Amino acid sequence: PIPVLVAGGPATGGSVVDHARTAMAVGCAGLAVGRRVF
């Protein structure tokens, strides 16, 4: 019943953009992406 965010995934885990699109498409409320950003 509360918003679910997903982590950005491992640095070797493929495209973070594709990961983000997948997460939002399945209904996640957002992302928390750190290492893949910095």
PDB file of all heavy atoms in Angstrom:
ATOM      1  N   PRO A   1       0.784  -1.237   0.000  1.00  0.00           N
ATOM      2  CA  PRO A   1       0.000   0.000   0.000  1.00  0.00           C
ATOM      3  C   PRO A   1       0.817   1.289   0.000  1.00  0.00           C
ATOM      4  O   PRO A   1       0.238   2.371   0.049  1.00  0.00           O
ATOM      5  CB  PRO A   1      -0.823  -0.120   1.283  1.00  0.00           C
ATOM      6  CG  PRO A   1       0.031  -0.928   2.199  1.00  0.00           C
ATOM      7  CD  PRO A   1       0.765  -1.914   1.319  1.00  0.00           C
ATOM      8  N   ILE A   2       2.144   1.202  -0.030  1.00  0.00           N
ATOM      9  CA  ILE A   2       2.966   2.412  -0.111  1.00  0.00           C
ATOM     10  C   ILE A   2       3.766   2.375  -1.409  1.00  0.00           C
ATOM     11  O   ILE A   2       3.912   1.326  -2.028  1.00  0.00           O
ATOM     12  CB  ILE A   2       3.912   2.557   1.105  1.00  0.00           C
ATOM     13  CG1 ILE A   2       4.941   1.407   1.144  1.00  0.00           C
ATOM     14  CG2 ILE A   2       3.123   2.645   2.407  1.00  0.00           C
ATOM     15  CD1 ILE A   2       5.986   1.572   2.251  1.00  0.00           C
ATOM     16  N   PRO A   3       4.278   3.533  -1.863  1.00  0.00           N
ATOM     17  CA  PRO A   3       5.043   3.556  -3.115  1.00  0.00           C
ATOM     18  C   PRO A   3       6.266   2.643  -3.058  1.00  0.00           C
ATOM     19  O   PRO A   3       7.000   2.627  -2.077  1.00  0.00           O
ATOM     20  CB  PRO A   3       5.451   5.024  -3.249  1.00  0.00           C
ATOM     21  CG  PRO A   3       4.449   5.779  -2.442  1.00  0.00           C
ATOM     22  CD  PRO A   3       4.119   4.890  -1.292  1.00  0.00           C
ATOM     23  N   VAL A   4       6.475   1.906  -4.153  1.00  0.00           N
ATOM     24  CA  VAL A   4       7.621   1.005  -4.276  1.00  0.00           C
ATOM     25  C   VAL A   4       8.574   1.567  -5.319  1.00  0.00           C
ATOM     26  O   VAL A   4       8.198   1.776  -6.477  1.00  0.00           O
ATOM     27  CB  VAL A   4       7.190  -0.416  -4.687  1.00  0.00           C
ATOM     28  CG1 VAL A   4       8.421  -1.313  -4.871  1.00  0.00           C
ATOM     29  CG2 VAL A   4       6.242  -1.014  -3.650  1.00  0.00           C
ATOM     30  N   LEU A   5       9.809   1.806  -4.899  1.00  0.00           N
ATOM     31  CA  LEU A   5      10.874   2.245  -5.798  1.00  0.00           C
ATOM     32  C   LEU A   5      11.834   1.084  -5.984  1.00  0.00           C
ATOM     33  O   LEU A   5      11.983   0.254  -5.086  1.00  0.00           O
ATOM     34  CB  LEU A   5      11.638   3.435  -5.215  1.00  0.00           C
ATOM     35  CG  LEU A   5      11.042   4.838  -5.343  1.00  0.00           C
ATOM     36  CD1 LEU A   5       9.671   4.926  -4.707  1.00  0.00           C
ATOM     37  CD2 LEU A   5      11.971   5.866  -4.695  1.00  0.00           C
ATOM     38  N   VAL A   6      12.499   1.054  -7.141  1.00  0.00           N
ATOM     39  CA  VAL A   6      13.499   0.017  -7.349  1.00  0.00           C
ATOM     40  C   VAL A   6      14.878   0.635  -7.491  1.00  0.00           C
ATOM     41  O   VAL A   6      15.027   1.770  -7.963  1.00  0.00           O
ATOM     42  CB  VAL A   6      13.195  -0.876  -8.567  1.00  0.00           C
ATOM     43  CG1 VAL A   6      11.923  -1.661  -8.332  1.00  0.00           C
ATOM     44  CG2 VAL A   6      13.108  -0.077  -9.842  1.00  0.00           C
ATOM     45  N   ALA A   7      15.869  -0.143  -7.072  1.00  0.00           N
ATOM     46  CA  ALA A   7      17.256   0.284  -7.194  1.00  0.00           C
ATOM     47  C   ALA A   7      17.672   0.270  -8.661  1.00  0.00           C
ATOM     48  O   ALA A   7      17.048  -0.389  -9.503  1.00  0.00           O
ATOM     49  CB  ALA A   7      18.151  -0.634  -6.372  1.00  0.00           C
ATOM     50  N   GLY A   8      18.767   0.979  -8.960  1.00  0.00           N
ATOM     51  CA  GLY A   8      19.215   1.110 -10.341  1.00  0.00           C
ATOM     52  C   GLY A   8      19.869  -0.117 -10.911  1.00  0.00           C
ATOM     53  O   GLY A   8      20.092  -0.187 -12.113  1.00  0.00           O
ATOM     54  N   GLY A   9      20.149  -1.092 -10.077  1.00  0.00           N
ATOM     55  CA  GLY A   9      20.762  -2.320 -10.570  1.00  0.00           C
ATOM     56  C   GLY A   9      22.274  -2.228 -10.592  1.00  0.00           C
ATOM     57  O   GLY A   9      22.855  -1.142 -10.451  1.00  0.00           O
ATOM     58  N   PRO A  10      22.943  -3.355 -10.774  1.00  0.00           N
ATOM     59  CA  PRO A  10      24.410  -3.367 -10.768  1.00  0.00           C
ATOM     60  C   PRO A  10      24.992  -2.644 -11.971  1.00  0.00           C
ATOM     61  O   PRO A  10      24.350  -2.529 -13.018  1.00  0.00           O
ATOM     62  CB  PRO A  10      24.744  -4.863 -10.807  1.00  0.00           C
ATOM     63  CG  PRO A  10      23.557  -5.491 -11.458  1.00  0.00           C
ATOM     64  CD  PRO A  10      22.375  -4.690 -10.998  1.00  0.00           C
ATOM     65  N   ALA A  11      26.213  -2.156 -11.830  1.00  0.00           N
ATOM     66  CA  ALA A  11      26.862  -1.396 -12.907  1.00  0.00           C
ATOM     67  C   ALA A  11      27.024  -2.217 -14.168  1.00  0.00           C
ATOM     68  O   ALA A  11      27.106  -1.667 -15.271  1.00  0.00           O
ATOM     69  CB  ALA A  11      28.226  -0.876 -12.434  1.00  0.00           C
ATOM     70  N   THR A  12      27.073  -3.527 -14.041  1.00  0.00           N
ATOM     71  CA  THR A  12      27.243  -4.406 -15.203  1.00  0.00           C
ATOM     72  C   THR A  12      25.913  -4.995 -15.669  1.00  0.00           C
ATOM     73  O   THR A  12      25.887  -5.922 -16.466  1.00  0.00           O
ATOM     74  CB  THR A  12      28.198  -5.554 -14.860  1.00  0.00           C
ATOM     75  OG1 THR A  12      27.678  -6.267 -13.720  1.00  0.00           O
ATOM     76  CG2 THR A  12      29.579  -5.023 -14.535  1.00  0.00           C
ATOM     77  N   GLY A  13      24.821  -4.420 -15.184  1.00  0.00           N
ATOM     78  CA  GLY A  13      23.507  -5.010 -15.433  1.00  0.00           C
ATOM     79  C   GLY A  13      22.779  -4.504 -16.645  1.00  0.00           C
ATOM     80  O   GLY A  13      21.550  -4.574 -16.704  1.00  0.00           O
ATOM     81  N   GLY A  14      23.472  -3.981 -17.647  1.00  0.00           N
ATOM     82  CA  GLY A  14      22.813  -3.504 -18.852  1.00  0.00           C
ATOM     83  C   GLY A  14      22.410  -2.047 -18.733  1.00  0.00           C
ATOM     84  O   GLY A  14      22.811  -1.323 -17.822  1.00  0.00           O
ATOM     85  N   SER A  15      21.569  -1.608 -19.653  1.00  0.00           N
ATOM     86  CA  SER A  15      21.179  -0.209 -19.733  1.00  0.00           C
ATOM     87  C   SER A  15      20.307   0.205 -18.565  1.00  0.00           C
ATOM     88  O   SER A  15      19.252  -0.392 -18.316  1.00  0.00           O
ATOM     89  CB  SER A  15      20.426   0.033 -21.047  1.00  0.00           C
ATOM     90  OG  SER A  15      19.764   1.274 -21.023  1.00  0.00           O
ATOM     91  N   VAL A  16      20.722   1.255 -17.855  1.00  0.00           N
ATOM     92  CA  VAL A  16      19.906   1.755 -16.755  1.00  0.00           C
ATOM     93  C   VAL A  16      18.646   2.419 -17.285  1.00  0.00           C
ATOM     94  O   VAL A  16      17.601   2.429 -16.618  1.00  0.00           O
ATOM     95  CB  VAL A  16      20.724   2.719 -15.863  1.00  0.00           C
ATOM     96  CG1 VAL A  16      21.084   3.993 -16.604  1.00  0.00           C
ATOM     97  CG2 VAL A  16      19.958   3.057 -14.587  1.00  0.00           C
ATOM     98  N   VAL A  17      18.703   2.957 -18.501  1.00  0.00           N
ATOM     99  CA  VAL A  17      17.520   3.567 -19.104  1.00  0.00           C
ATOM    100  C   VAL A  17      16.472   2.497 -19.407  1.00  0.00           C
ATOM    101  O   VAL A  17      15.283   2.661 -19.114  1.00  0.00           O
ATOM    102  CB  VAL A  17      17.905   4.350 -20.376  1.00  0.00           C
ATOM    103  CG1 VAL A  17      16.668   4.798 -21.139  1.00  0.00           C
ATOM    104  CG2 VAL A  17      18.765   5.552 -20.009  1.00  0.00           C
ATOM    105  N   ASP A  18      16.906   1.377 -19.958  1.00  0.00           N
ATOM    106  CA  ASP A  18      15.975   0.276 -20.205  1.00  0.00           C
ATOM    107  C   ASP A  18      15.424  -0.267 -18.893  1.00  0.00           C
ATOM    108  O   ASP A  18      14.231  -0.612 -18.793  1.00  0.00           O
ATOM    109  CB  ASP A  18      16.678  -0.850 -20.967  1.00  0.00           C
ATOM    110  CG  ASP A  18      16.999  -0.475 -22.402  1.00  0.00           C
ATOM    111  OD1 ASP A  18      16.426   0.520 -22.913  1.00  0.00           O
ATOM    112  OD2 ASP A  18      17.833  -1.177 -23.026  1.00  0.00           O
ATOM    113  N   HIS A  19      16.281  -0.353 -17.895  1.00  0.00           N
ATOM    114  CA  HIS A  19      15.860  -0.793 -16.552  1.00  0.00           C
ATOM    115  C   HIS A  19      14.773   0.136 -16.018  1.00  0.00           C
ATOM    116  O   HIS A  19      13.759  -0.327 -15.467  1.00  0.00           O
ATOM    117  CB  HIS A  19      17.083  -0.790 -15.636  1.00  0.00           C
ATOM    118  CG  HIS A  19      16.809  -1.131 -14.212  1.00  0.00           C
ATOM    119  ND1 HIS A  19      16.643  -2.426 -13.762  1.00  0.00           N
ATOM    120  CD2 HIS A  19      16.678  -0.334 -13.112  1.00  0.00           C
ATOM    121  CE1 HIS A  19      16.432  -2.417 -12.451  1.00  0.00           C
ATOM    122  NE2 HIS A  19      16.448  -1.163 -12.038  1.00  0.00           N
ATOM    123  N   ALA A  20      14.961   1.437 -16.192  1.00  0.00           N
ATOM    124  CA  ALA A  20      13.983   2.415 -15.715  1.00  0.00           C
ATOM    125  C   ALA A  20      12.653   2.271 -16.439  1.00  0.00           C
ATOM    126  O   ALA A  20      11.582   2.300 -15.824  1.00  0.00           O
ATOM    127  CB  ALA A  20      14.533   3.828 -15.900  1.00  0.00           C
ATOM    128  N   ARG A  21      12.732   2.107 -17.734  1.00  0.00           N
ATOM    129  CA  ARG A  21      11.493   1.958 -18.509  1.00  0.00           C
ATOM    130  C   ARG A  21      10.726   0.708 -18.078  1.00  0.00           C
ATOM    131  O   ARG A  21       9.499   0.724 -17.949  1.00  0.00           O
ATOM    132  CB  ARG A  21      11.818   1.894 -20.000  1.00  0.00           C
ATOM    133  CG  ARG A  21      12.305   3.210 -20.588  1.00  0.00           C
ATOM    134  CD  ARG A  21      12.353   3.141 -22.105  1.00  0.00           C
ATOM    135  NE  ARG A  21      12.761   4.420 -22.675  1.00  0.00           N
ATOM    136  CZ  ARG A  21      13.880   4.624 -23.351  1.00  0.00           C
ATOM    137  NH1 ARG A  21      14.728   3.628 -23.557  1.00  0.00           N
ATOM    138  NH2 ARG A  21      14.177   5.819 -23.834  1.00  0.00           N
ATOM    139  N   THR A  22      11.458  -0.363 -17.856  1.00  0.00           N
ATOM    140  CA  THR A  22      10.819  -1.599 -17.418  1.00  0.00           C
ATOM    141  C   THR A  22      10.159  -1.418 -16.062  1.00  0.00           C
ATOM    142  O   THR A  22       9.006  -1.822 -15.846  1.00  0.00           O
ATOM    143  CB  THR A  22      11.852  -2.738 -17.345  1.00  0.00           C
ATOM    144  OG1 THR A  22      12.387  -2.962 -18.651  1.00  0.00           O
ATOM    145  CG2 THR A  22      11.224  -4.015 -16.818  1.00  0.00           C
ATOM    146  N   ALA A  23      10.874  -0.800 -15.128  1.00  0.00           N
ATOM    147  CA  ALA A  23      10.343  -0.604 -13.780  1.00  0.00           C
ATOM    148  C   ALA A  23       9.063   0.219 -13.788  1.00  0.00           C
ATOM    149  O   ALA A  23       8.086  -0.121 -13.106  1.00  0.00           O
ATOM    150  CB  ALA A  23      11.400   0.073 -12.901  1.00  0.00           C
ATOM    151  N   MET A  24       9.048   1.291 -14.564  1.00  0.00           N
ATOM    152  CA  MET A  24       7.862   2.129 -14.598  1.00  0.00           C
ATOM    153  C   MET A  24       6.720   1.436 -15.339  1.00  0.00           C
ATOM    154  O   MET A  24       5.550   1.597 -14.988  1.00  0.00           O
ATOM    155  CB  MET A  24       8.188   3.475 -15.240  1.00  0.00           C
ATOM    156  CG  MET A  24       9.256   4.285 -14.495  1.00  0.00           C
ATOM    157  SD  MET A  24       8.941   4.469 -12.709  1.00  0.00           S
ATOM    158  CE  MET A  24       7.444   5.467 -12.739  1.00  0.00           C
ATOM    159  N   ALA A  25       7.048   0.645 -16.352  1.00  0.00           N
ATOM    160  CA  ALA A  25       6.015  -0.052 -17.123  1.00  0.00           C
ATOM    161  C   ALA A  25       5.267  -1.079 -16.283  1.00  0.00           C
ATOM    162  O   ALA A  25       4.082  -1.343 -16.518  1.00  0.00           O
ATOM    163  CB  ALA A  25       6.634  -0.723 -18.342  1.00  0.00           C
ATOM    164  N   VAL A  26       5.955  -1.667 -15.294  1.00  0.00           N
ATOM    165  CA  VAL A  26       5.292  -2.679 -14.461  1.00  0.00           C
ATOM    166  C   VAL A  26       4.639  -2.071 -13.235  1.00  0.00           C
ATOM    167  O   VAL A  26       4.111  -2.798 -12.389  1.00  0.00           O
ATOM    168  CB  VAL A  26       6.264  -3.805 -14.053  1.00  0.00           C
ATOM    169  CG1 VAL A  26       6.764  -4.540 -15.285  1.00  0.00           C
ATOM    170  CG2 VAL A  26       7.431  -3.276 -13.224  1.00  0.00           C
ATOM    171  N   GLY A  27       4.670  -0.741 -13.110  1.00  0.00           N
ATOM    172  CA  GLY A  27       3.911  -0.077 -12.064  1.00  0.00           C
ATOM    173  C   GLY A  27       4.671   0.467 -10.885  1.00  0.00           C
ATOM    174  O   GLY A  27       4.056   0.905  -9.899  1.00  0.00           O
ATOM    175  N   CYS A  28       5.998   0.466 -10.932  1.00  0.00           N
ATOM    176  CA  CYS A  28       6.769   1.046  -9.824  1.00  0.00           C
ATOM    177  C   CYS A  28       6.493   2.543  -9.722  1.00  0.00           C
ATOM    178  O   CYS A  28       6.179   3.207 -10.716  1.00  0.00           O
ATOM    179  CB  CYS A  28       8.258   0.806 -10.024  1.00  0.00           C
ATOM    180  SG  CYS A  28       8.727  -0.938  -9.936  1.00  0.00           S
ATOM    181  N   ALA A  29       6.649   3.080  -8.515  1.00  0.00           N
ATOM    182  CA  ALA A  29       6.422   4.499  -8.294  1.00  0.00           C
ATOM    183  C   ALA A  29       7.659   5.334  -8.576  1.00  0.00           C
ATOM    184  O   ALA A  29       7.608   6.561  -8.512  1.00  0.00           O
ATOM    185  CB  ALA A  29       5.953   4.749  -6.861  1.00  0.00           C
ATOM    186  N   GLY A  30       8.774   4.679  -8.896  1.00  0.00           N
ATOM    187  CA  GLY A  30       9.974   5.435  -9.193  1.00  0.00           C
ATOM    188  C   GLY A  30      11.231   4.611  -9.057  1.00  0.00           C
ATOM    189  O   GLY A  30      11.189   3.375  -8.967  1.00  0.00           O
ATOM    190  N   LEU A  31      12.349   5.340  -9.022  1.00  0.00           N
ATOM    191  CA  LEU A  31      13.673   4.724  -9.017  1.00  0.00           C
ATOM    192  C   LEU A  31      14.544   5.389  -7.966  1.00  0.00           C
ATOM    193  O   LEU A  31      14.367   6.570  -7.650  1.00  0.00           O
ATOM    194  CB  LEU A  31      14.355   4.904 -10.370  1.00  0.00           C
ATOM    195  CG  LEU A  31      13.631   4.434 -11.629  1.00  0.00           C
ATOM    196  CD1 LEU A  31      14.323   5.009 -12.849  1.00  0.00           C
ATOM    197  CD2 LEU A  31      13.605   2.921 -11.679  1.00  0.00           C
ATOM    198  N   ALA A  32      15.533   4.641  -7.481  1.00  0.00           N
ATOM    199  CA  ALA A  32      16.602   5.202  -6.660  1.00  0.00           C
ATOM    200  C   ALA A  32      17.900   4.744  -7.299  1.00  0.00           C
ATOM    201  O   ALA A  32      18.291   3.585  -7.174  1.00  0.00           O
ATOM    202  CB  ALA A  32      16.499   4.725  -5.221  1.00  0.00           C
ATOM    203  N   VAL A  33      18.523   5.650  -8.044  1.00  0.00           N
ATOM    204  CA  VAL A  33      19.701   5.309  -8.849  1.00  0.00           C
ATOM    205  C   VAL A  33      20.875   6.159  -8.379  1.00  0.00           C
ATOM    206  O   VAL A  33      20.839   7.388  -8.492  1.00  0.00           O
ATOM    207  CB  VAL A  33      19.444   5.558 -10.347  1.00  0.00           C
ATOM    208  CG1 VAL A  33      20.648   5.105 -11.169  1.00  0.00           C
ATOM    209  CG2 VAL A  33      18.187   4.845 -10.805  1.00  0.00           C
ATOM    210  N   GLY A  34      21.899   5.517  -7.859  1.00  0.00           N
ATOM    211  CA  GLY A  34      23.063   6.238  -7.359  1.00  0.00           C
ATOM    212  C   GLY A  34      24.302   6.005  -8.183  1.00  0.00           C
ATOM    213  O   GLY A  34      24.731   6.845  -8.954  1.00  0.00           O
ATOM    214  N   ARG A  35      24.891   4.806  -8.048  1.00  0.00           N
ATOM    215  CA  ARG A  35      26.155   4.505  -8.702  1.00  0.00           C
ATOM    216  C   ARG A  35      26.079   4.681 -10.220  1.00  0.00           C
ATOM    217  O   ARG A  35      27.007   5.169 -10.847  1.00  0.00           O
ATOM    218  CB  ARG A  35      26.580   3.073  -8.371  1.00  0.00           C
ATOM    219  CG  ARG A  35      28.004   2.736  -8.777  1.00  0.00           C
ATOM    220  CD  ARG A  35      28.306   1.278  -8.468  1.00  0.00           C
ATOM    221  NE  ARG A  35      27.928   0.906  -7.110  1.00  0.00           N
ATOM    222  CZ  ARG A  35      28.690   1.112  -6.058  1.00  0.00           C
ATOM    223  NH1 ARG A  35      29.868   1.701  -6.190  1.00  0.00           N
ATOM    224  NH2 ARG A  35      28.290   0.738  -4.856  1.00  0.00           N
ATOM    225  N   ARG A  36      24.968   4.285 -10.813  1.00  0.00           N
ATOM    226  CA  ARG A  36      24.842   4.400 -12.265  1.00  0.00           C
ATOM    227  C   ARG A  36      24.822   5.872 -12.695  1.00  0.00           C
ATOM    228  O   ARG A  36      25.135   6.183 -13.844  1.00  0.00           O
ATOM    229  CB  ARG A  36      23.561   3.707 -12.748  1.00  0.00           C
ATOM    230  CG  ARG A  36      23.429   2.255 -12.328  1.00  0.00           C
ATOM    231  CD  ARG A  36      24.420   1.332 -13.015  1.00  0.00           C
ATOM    232  NE  ARG A  36      24.167   1.178 -14.420  1.00  0.00           N
ATOM    233  CZ  ARG A  36      23.360   0.253 -14.940  1.00  0.00           C
ATOM    234  NH1 ARG A  36      22.700  -0.582 -14.139  1.00  0.00           N
ATOM    235  NH2 ARG A  36      23.211   0.150 -16.243  1.00  0.00           N
ATOM    236  N   VAL A  37      24.452   6.766 -11.779  1.00  0.00           N
ATOM    237  CA  VAL A  37      24.461   8.205 -12.079  1.00  0.00           C
ATOM    238  C   VAL A  37      25.852   8.796 -11.883  1.00  0.00           C
ATOM    239  O   VAL A  37      26.412   9.424 -12.778  1.00  0.00           O
ATOM    240  CB  VAL A  37      23.433   8.963 -11.210  1.00  0.00           C
ATOM    241  CG1 VAL A  37      23.671  10.481 -11.281  1.00  0.00           C
ATOM    242  CG2 VAL A  37      22.011   8.642 -11.662  1.00  0.00           C
ATOM    243  N   PHE A  38      26.447   8.582 -10.701  1.00  0.00           N
ATOM    244  CA  PHE A  38      27.703   9.289 -10.440  1.00  0.00           C
ATOM    245  C   PHE A  38      28.899   8.708 -11.189  1.00  0.00           C
ATOM    246  O   PHE A  38      29.957   9.343 -11.251  1.00  0.00           O
ATOM    247  CB  PHE A  38      27.983   9.458  -8.939  1.00  0.00           C
ATOM    248  CG  PHE A  38      28.207   8.201  -8.143  1.00  0.00           C
ATOM    249  CD1 PHE A  38      29.384   7.481  -8.232  1.00  0.00           C
ATOM    250  CD2 PHE A  38      27.245   7.777  -7.233  1.00  0.00           C
ATOM    251  CE1 PHE A  38      29.605   6.351  -7.464  1.00  0.00           C
ATOM    252  CE2 PHE A  38      27.446   6.639  -6.450  1.00  0.00           C
ATOM    253  CZ  PHE A  38      28.642   5.922  -6.571  1.00  0.00           C
TER     254      PHE A  38
END
